C-alpha atoms as a PDB file:
ATOM      1  CA  MET A   1    -130.145  25.582 -14.206  1.00  0.00           C
ATOM      2  CA  ALA A   2    -130.533  28.511 -16.716  1.00  0.00           C
ATOM      3  CA  LYS A   3    -129.029  28.329 -20.301  1.00  0.00           C
ATOM      4  CA  LYS A   4    -126.043  30.546 -20.729  1.00  0.00           C
ATOM      5  CA  SER A   5    -126.980  34.046 -22.364  1.00  0.00           C
ATOM      6  CA  SER A   6    -123.083  34.781 -23.938  1.00  0.00           C
ATOM      7  CA  ILE A   7    -120.171  32.767 -24.394  1.00  0.00           C
ATOM      8  CA  LYS A   8    -116.526  33.729 -24.063  1.00  0.00           C
ATOM      9  CA  VAL A   9    -114.584  34.086 -27.662  1.00  0.00           C
ATOM     10  CA  ARG A  10    -110.891  34.915 -28.169  1.00  0.00           C
ATOM     11  CA  LEU A  11    -110.038  37.821 -30.892  1.00  0.00           C
ATOM     12  CA  VAL A  12    -106.741  37.729 -32.454  1.00  0.00           C
ATOM     13  CA  PRO A  13    -105.156  39.737 -35.040  1.00  0.00           C
ATOM     14  CA  GLU A  14    -106.246  39.335 -38.414  1.00  0.00           C
ATOM     15  CA  ALA A  15    -102.770  39.745 -40.350  1.00  0.00           C
ATOM     16  CA  LYS A  16    -101.005  37.762 -37.912  1.00  0.00           C
ATOM     17  CA  ALA A  17    -103.228  35.229 -36.095  1.00  0.00           C
ATOM     18  CA  ASP A  18     -99.951  33.526 -34.101  1.00  0.00           C
ATOM     19  CA  SER A  19     -99.333  36.894 -32.073  1.00  0.00           C
ATOM     20  CA  PRO A  20     -98.895  36.274 -28.364  1.00  0.00           C
ATOM     21  CA  PHE A  21    -101.240  39.231 -27.749  1.00  0.00           C
ATOM     22  CA  PHE A  22    -105.305  38.815 -28.023  1.00  0.00           C
ATOM     23  CA  TYR A  23    -108.538  39.804 -26.634  1.00  0.00           C
ATOM     24  CA  TYR A  24    -111.306  38.016 -24.851  1.00  0.00           C
ATOM     25  CA  ILE A  25    -114.827  39.468 -25.058  1.00  0.00           C
ATOM     26  CA  LYS A  26    -118.332  38.125 -24.547  1.00  0.00           C
ATOM     27  CA  LYS A  27    -120.913  37.398 -27.307  1.00  0.00           C
ATOM     28  CA  PRO A  28    -124.549  36.599 -27.294  1.00  0.00           C
ATOM     29  CA  THR A  29    -125.452  32.836 -27.911  1.00  0.00           C
ATOM     30  CA  LYS A  30    -128.994  33.781 -29.203  1.00  0.00           C
ATOM     31  CA  GLY A  31    -130.276  36.038 -31.587  1.00  0.00           C
ATOM     32  CA  GLU A  32    -129.186  37.382 -35.151  1.00  0.00           C
ATOM     33  CA  LYS A  33    -125.658  38.803 -33.262  1.00  0.00           C
ATOM     34  CA  ALA A  34    -124.818  35.401 -32.303  1.00  0.00           C
ATOM     35  CA  LYS A  35    -124.336  34.150 -35.964  1.00  0.00           C
ATOM     36  CA  VAL A  36    -121.926  36.924 -37.154  1.00  0.00           C
ATOM     37  CA  LYS A  37    -118.304  36.710 -36.896  1.00  0.00           C
ATOM     38  CA  ILE A  38    -116.842  39.597 -34.895  1.00  0.00           C
ATOM     39  CA  LYS A  39    -114.546  41.831 -36.515  1.00  0.00           C
ATOM     40  CA  LEU A  40    -113.156  44.650 -34.602  1.00  0.00           C
ATOM     41  CA  LYS A  41    -110.379  47.440 -34.913  1.00  0.00           C
ATOM     42  CA  LYS A  42    -108.059  47.002 -31.126  1.00  0.00           C
ATOM     43  CA  TYR A  43    -105.006  48.552 -30.488  1.00  0.00           C
ATOM     44  CA  ASN A  44    -102.292  45.808 -30.522  1.00  0.00           C
ATOM     45  CA  PRO A  45     -99.168  46.977 -28.304  1.00  0.00           C
ATOM     46  CA  ASN A  46     -96.970  44.368 -30.100  1.00  0.00           C
ATOM     47  CA  THR A  47     -97.186  46.418 -33.623  1.00  0.00           C
ATOM     48  CA  LYS A  48     -97.721  49.532 -31.581  1.00  0.00           C
ATOM     49  CA  LYS A  49    -100.632  50.334 -34.142  1.00  0.00           C
ATOM     50  CA  HIS A  50    -104.527  49.687 -34.296  1.00  0.00           C
ATOM     51  CA  GLU A  51    -105.378  46.366 -36.294  1.00  0.00           C
ATOM     52  CA  PHE A  52    -108.542  44.431 -36.962  1.00  0.00           C
ATOM     53  CA  PHE A  53    -109.049  41.631 -34.770  1.00  0.00           C
ATOM     54  CA  VAL A  54    -111.221  38.580 -35.744  1.00  0.00           C
ATOM     55  CA  GLU A  55    -112.719  35.935 -33.376  1.00  0.00           C
ATOM     56  CA  LYS A  56    -111.392  32.792 -33.054  1.00  0.00           C
ATOM     57  CA  LYS A  57    -112.269  29.593 -30.806  1.00  0.00           C
ATOM     58  CA  LEU A  58    -110.920  29.281 -27.832  1.00  0.00           C
ATOM     59  CA  PRO A  59    -108.156  26.904 -27.237  1.00  0.00           C
ATOM     60  CA  PRO A  60    -108.694  23.416 -25.704  1.00  0.00           C
ATOM     61  CA  HIS A  61    -107.693  23.397 -21.969  1.00  0.00           C
ATOM     62  CA  SER A  62    -106.275  20.369 -19.797  1.00  0.00           C
ATOM     63  CA  LYS A  63    -107.589  19.388 -16.763  1.00  0.00           C
END
């Protein structure tokens, strides 16, 4: 089987990390961009403003 070329990461608001709203994005697993933490300006409907969202690990899941 081939290795994955991207992983799924979660973006949470920088100011309030426990916010109920977040984004999921794909991030490359190899290369220069894989080592850099993502920080994007996205819309947060809870505050009705554009805010910076930062990368966090996915929460653990139960089977």
